[in-house]
N, C-alpha and C. Protein backbone atom coordinates (compact mmCIF):
# COMPACT_ATOMS: atom_id res chain seq x y z
N MET A 1 -28.89 21.17 -5.04
CA MET A 1 -28.14 21.02 -5.35
C MET A 1 -27.08 19.90 -4.37
N ALA A 2 -27.21 18.94 -5.30
CA ALA A 2 -26.39 17.50 -4.79
C ALA A 2 -24.77 17.47 -4.50
N ILE A 3 -24.76 16.88 -3.33
CA ILE A 3 -23.27 16.41 -2.79
C ILE A 3 -23.43 14.81 -3.02
N THR A 4 -22.22 14.61 -3.77
CA THR A 4 -22.14 13.53 -3.83
C THR A 4 -20.30 13.21 -2.99
N LYS A 5 -20.47 11.79 -2.99
CA LYS A 5 -19.31 11.57 -2.20
C LYS A 5 -18.76 9.93 -3.20
N GLU A 6 -18.05 9.96 -3.69
CA GLU A 6 -17.37 8.87 -4.45
C GLU A 6 -16.13 8.19 -4.14
N THR A 7 -15.49 6.96 -4.29
CA THR A 7 -14.40 6.30 -3.73
C THR A 7 -13.86 5.48 -4.94
N ILE A 8 -12.72 6.45 -5.45
CA ILE A 8 -12.28 5.27 -7.04
C ILE A 8 -10.49 4.30 -6.38
N GLN A 9 -10.43 4.08 -7.32
CA GLN A 9 -8.88 3.04 -6.50
C GLN A 9 -8.11 4.00 -8.15
N ASP A 10 -7.39 4.91 -8.02
CA ASP A 10 -7.32 5.59 -9.03
C ASP A 10 -5.78 5.24 -9.39
N LYS A 11 -5.21 4.41 -8.83
CA LYS A 11 -3.76 4.17 -9.18
C LYS A 11 -3.45 2.68 -8.17
N ILE A 12 -3.05 2.00 -9.17
CA ILE A 12 -2.29 0.27 -8.82
C ILE A 12 -1.14 0.44 -9.61
N GLU A 13 0.25 -0.01 -8.42
CA GLU A 13 1.35 -0.33 -9.06
C GLU A 13 1.86 -0.99 -8.55
N VAL A 14 2.73 -2.09 -8.75
CA VAL A 14 3.99 -3.03 -8.55
C VAL A 14 4.93 -2.53 -8.47
N VAL A 15 5.74 -2.75 -7.42
CA VAL A 15 7.22 -2.14 -7.16
C VAL A 15 7.75 -3.20 -6.16
N GLY A 16 8.91 -3.47 -6.52
CA GLY A 16 10.38 -3.83 -5.80
C GLY A 16 10.20 -5.41 -6.16
N ASP A 17 11.47 -5.89 -5.59
CA ASP A 17 11.84 -7.50 -5.90
C ASP A 17 11.07 -8.37 -5.86
N TYR A 18 9.69 -8.22 -4.53
CA TYR A 18 8.75 -9.22 -4.41
C TYR A 18 7.43 -8.90 -5.03
N LYS A 19 7.56 -8.01 -5.77
CA LYS A 19 6.19 -7.28 -6.17
C LYS A 19 5.14 -7.09 -5.58
N HIS A 20 5.57 -6.46 -4.31
CA HIS A 20 3.82 -5.40 -3.82
C HIS A 20 3.62 -4.55 -4.65
N ILE A 21 2.22 -4.86 -4.45
CA ILE A 21 1.36 -4.28 -5.30
C ILE A 21 0.60 -3.35 -3.86
N GLN A 22 1.22 -1.70 -4.89
CA GLN A 22 0.74 -0.94 -3.86
C GLN A 22 -1.16 0.16 -5.07
N VAL A 23 -1.97 -0.21 -3.72
CA VAL A 23 -2.96 0.97 -4.56
C VAL A 23 -3.49 2.17 -3.34
N ARG A 24 -3.74 2.56 -4.48
CA ARG A 24 -4.05 4.12 -3.82
C ARG A 24 -5.52 4.79 -4.16
N THR A 25 -6.07 4.33 -3.06
CA THR A 25 -7.88 4.66 -2.66
C THR A 25 -8.01 6.48 -3.15
N ALA A 26 -8.84 6.70 -3.60
CA ALA A 26 -9.33 8.45 -3.54
C ALA A 26 -10.37 8.53 -3.52
N THR A 27 -10.89 9.49 -2.62
CA THR A 27 -12.16 9.56 -1.87
C THR A 27 -12.55 11.72 -2.03
N VAL A 28 -13.55 12.02 -3.32
CA VAL A 28 -14.02 12.60 -3.86
C VAL A 28 -15.40 13.31 -3.91
N ILE A 29 -15.33 14.77 -3.00
CA ILE A 29 -16.70 15.28 -2.72
C ILE A 29 -16.65 16.00 -3.43
N LYS A 30 -18.37 15.79 -4.44
CA LYS A 30 -18.68 17.13 -5.19
C LYS A 30 -19.60 17.48 -4.92
N GLU A 31 -19.82 19.06 -5.08
CA GLU A 31 -20.99 19.45 -5.35
C GLU A 31 -21.85 19.57 -6.73
N ASP A 32 -22.82 19.55 -6.85
CA ASP A 32 -23.53 19.53 -8.44
C ASP A 32 -21.99 19.40 -9.46
N GLY A 33 -21.39 18.43 -9.34
CA GLY A 33 -20.36 17.88 -10.06
C GLY A 33 -19.09 18.49 -10.10
N VAL A 34 -18.64 19.40 -9.32
CA VAL A 34 -18.20 20.03 -9.11
C VAL A 34 -17.40 19.20 -7.87
N GLU A 35 -15.92 19.30 -8.39
CA GLU A 35 -15.47 18.92 -7.26
C GLU A 35 -15.05 19.82 -6.06
N LEU A 36 -14.94 19.31 -4.86
CA LEU A 36 -14.86 20.01 -3.64
C LEU A 36 -13.97 20.08 -3.07
N SER A 37 -13.40 18.52 -3.11
CA SER A 37 -12.12 18.25 -2.26
C SER A 37 -12.05 16.56 -2.57
N ARG A 38 -10.50 16.33 -2.25
CA ARG A 38 -10.02 15.21 -2.93
C ARG A 38 -9.10 14.80 -1.72
N SER A 39 -9.42 13.21 -1.29
CA SER A 39 -8.36 12.89 0.17
C SER A 39 -8.11 11.55 -0.73
N PHE A 40 -6.90 10.92 -0.38
CA PHE A 40 -5.75 9.78 -0.56
C PHE A 40 -6.05 8.46 0.41
N HIS A 41 -5.86 7.20 0.26
CA HIS A 41 -6.01 6.23 1.37
C HIS A 41 -4.70 5.18 0.48
N ARG A 42 -3.83 4.99 1.13
CA ARG A 42 -2.96 4.12 0.31
C ARG A 42 -2.62 3.12 1.33
N HIS A 43 -2.56 1.57 0.55
CA HIS A 43 -2.24 0.53 1.42
C HIS A 43 -1.74 -0.25 0.48
N VAL A 44 -0.62 -1.57 0.90
CA VAL A 44 -0.16 -2.11 -0.04
C VAL A 44 -0.62 -3.37 0.40
N VAL A 45 -0.90 -4.25 -0.60
CA VAL A 45 -0.71 -5.90 -0.48
C VAL A 45 0.42 -6.91 -1.08
N ALA A 46 0.86 -7.76 0.16
CA ALA A 46 2.46 -8.90 -0.19
C ALA A 46 2.13 -9.77 -0.89
N PRO A 47 3.22 -10.30 -0.91
CA PRO A 47 3.27 -12.03 -1.83
C PRO A 47 2.72 -12.80 -0.78
N ASN A 48 2.24 -12.24 0.43
CA ASN A 48 2.10 -13.58 1.90
C ASN A 48 0.42 -12.50 2.08
N SER A 49 -0.36 -11.25 1.61
CA SER A 49 -1.41 -10.98 1.78
C SER A 49 -2.09 -11.63 1.36
N ASP A 50 -3.43 -12.15 2.12
CA ASP A 50 -4.54 -11.96 1.93
C ASP A 50 -5.55 -10.91 1.20
N SER A 51 -5.98 -11.25 0.13
CA SER A 51 -6.82 -10.42 -1.23
C SER A 51 -7.94 -10.87 -1.26
N THR A 52 -7.95 -11.78 -0.65
CA THR A 52 -10.26 -12.32 -0.70
C THR A 52 -10.57 -10.54 -0.84
N ASN A 53 -10.28 -9.53 -0.25
CA ASN A 53 -11.37 -8.54 0.20
C ASN A 53 -11.28 -7.39 -1.21
N GLU A 54 -10.26 -7.94 -1.93
CA GLU A 54 -9.38 -6.40 -2.96
C GLU A 54 -10.76 -6.72 -3.65
N SER A 55 -10.34 -5.61 -4.37
CA SER A 55 -11.00 -5.30 -5.92
C SER A 55 -10.81 -6.19 -6.86
N ALA A 56 -11.28 -5.76 -8.21
CA ALA A 56 -11.27 -7.20 -9.13
C ALA A 56 -9.74 -6.09 -10.06
N ASP A 57 -9.28 -5.47 -9.98
CA ASP A 57 -7.70 -5.05 -10.44
C ASP A 57 -6.85 -5.66 -9.37
N VAL A 58 -6.94 -5.55 -8.89
CA VAL A 58 -6.06 -5.71 -6.93
C VAL A 58 -6.30 -7.66 -7.66
N LYS A 59 -6.88 -8.28 -7.01
CA LYS A 59 -6.68 -9.56 -7.69
C LYS A 59 -6.77 -9.93 -8.54
N ALA A 60 -6.59 -9.08 -9.88
CA ALA A 60 -5.84 -10.06 -11.00
C ALA A 60 -4.52 -9.79 -11.45
N MET A 61 -4.19 -8.86 -10.29
CA MET A 61 -2.57 -8.17 -10.86
C MET A 61 -1.76 -9.16 -9.09
N VAL A 62 -2.56 -9.44 -8.05
CA VAL A 62 -2.40 -10.28 -7.40
C VAL A 62 -2.05 -11.55 -8.35
N ALA A 63 -2.82 -12.68 -9.32
CA ALA A 63 -2.85 -13.43 -9.69
C ALA A 63 -1.44 -13.88 -10.27
N GLN A 64 -1.21 -12.35 -11.62
CA GLN A 64 0.18 -12.37 -12.47
C GLN A 64 1.08 -12.50 -11.65
N PHE A 65 1.66 -11.64 -10.70
CA PHE A 65 2.50 -11.10 -10.34
C PHE A 65 3.13 -11.87 -9.01
N HIS A 66 2.16 -12.16 -8.20
CA HIS A 66 2.67 -13.18 -6.68
C HIS A 66 2.57 -14.80 -7.13
N THR A 67 3.21 -14.68 -7.69
CA THR A 67 3.27 -16.06 -8.45
C THR A 67 3.82 -17.34 -6.99
N ASP A 68 3.97 -18.22 -7.30
CA ASP A 68 4.74 -19.69 -6.11
C ASP A 68 6.34 -18.81 -6.03
N ALA A 69 6.62 -18.92 -7.14
CA ALA A 69 7.87 -18.43 -7.16
C ALA A 69 8.37 -16.93 -6.37
N VAL A 70 7.44 -15.76 -6.30
CA VAL A 70 8.28 -15.16 -5.80
C VAL A 70 7.63 -14.77 -4.22
N LYS A 71 6.05 -15.65 -3.70
CA LYS A 71 5.59 -15.77 -2.80
C LYS A 71 6.86 -16.79 -2.02
N LYS A 72 7.23 -17.78 -2.39
CA LYS A 72 8.37 -18.64 -1.45
C LYS A 72 9.99 -17.12 -1.40
N ALA A 73 10.06 -16.78 -2.84
CA ALA A 73 11.38 -16.06 -2.10
C ALA A 73 10.43 -15.03 -1.18
N TYR A 74 9.61 -14.39 -0.61
CA TYR A 74 9.63 -13.29 0.48
C TYR A 74 9.70 -13.77 1.10
N ALA A 75 8.72 -15.43 0.58
CA ALA A 75 8.92 -15.82 2.78
C ALA A 75 10.59 -16.08 2.90
N GLU A 76 11.27 -16.58 1.99
CA GLU A 76 12.16 -16.77 2.48
C GLU A 76 13.32 -15.37 2.84
N HIS A 77 13.13 -14.36 2.00
CA HIS A 77 13.62 -13.12 2.76
C HIS A 77 12.55 -12.90 3.93
N LEU A 78 11.85 -12.73 4.61
CA LEU A 78 11.11 -12.54 5.51
C LEU A 78 11.65 -13.58 6.85
N ALA A 79 12.22 -14.62 6.65
CA ALA A 79 12.67 -15.68 7.37
C ALA A 79 14.48 -15.29 8.14
N GLU A 80 14.91 -14.74 6.72
CA GLU A 80 16.34 -14.29 6.89
C GLU A 80 16.07 -13.29 7.92
N GLN A 81 14.86 -12.05 7.65
CA GLN A 81 14.85 -10.94 8.63
C GLN A 81 14.57 -11.27 10.06
N ALA A 82 14.32 -12.47 10.42
CA ALA A 82 13.98 -12.75 11.23
C ALA A 82 15.15 -13.43 12.40
N LYS A 83 15.99 -13.62 11.99
CA LYS A 83 17.38 -13.90 12.34
C LYS A 83 17.64 -13.41 13.13
């Protein structure tokens, strides 16, 4: 009777004008290969976020979508909101 715990990023999507990257991580508990439970954790990577500790897939999306133009537009948006 082997119980295992697996953590996988099962959904990564880009949303909004400023290309926020939403990441859903699933934690799956299995016993002898049969899933007993599944729970989710979500986090968002904004254009001004540090992506150093993100997975390779998320880093690739950051490189593709968080261009200098998007970062500048997001910074301007944040500055406008702070007024």
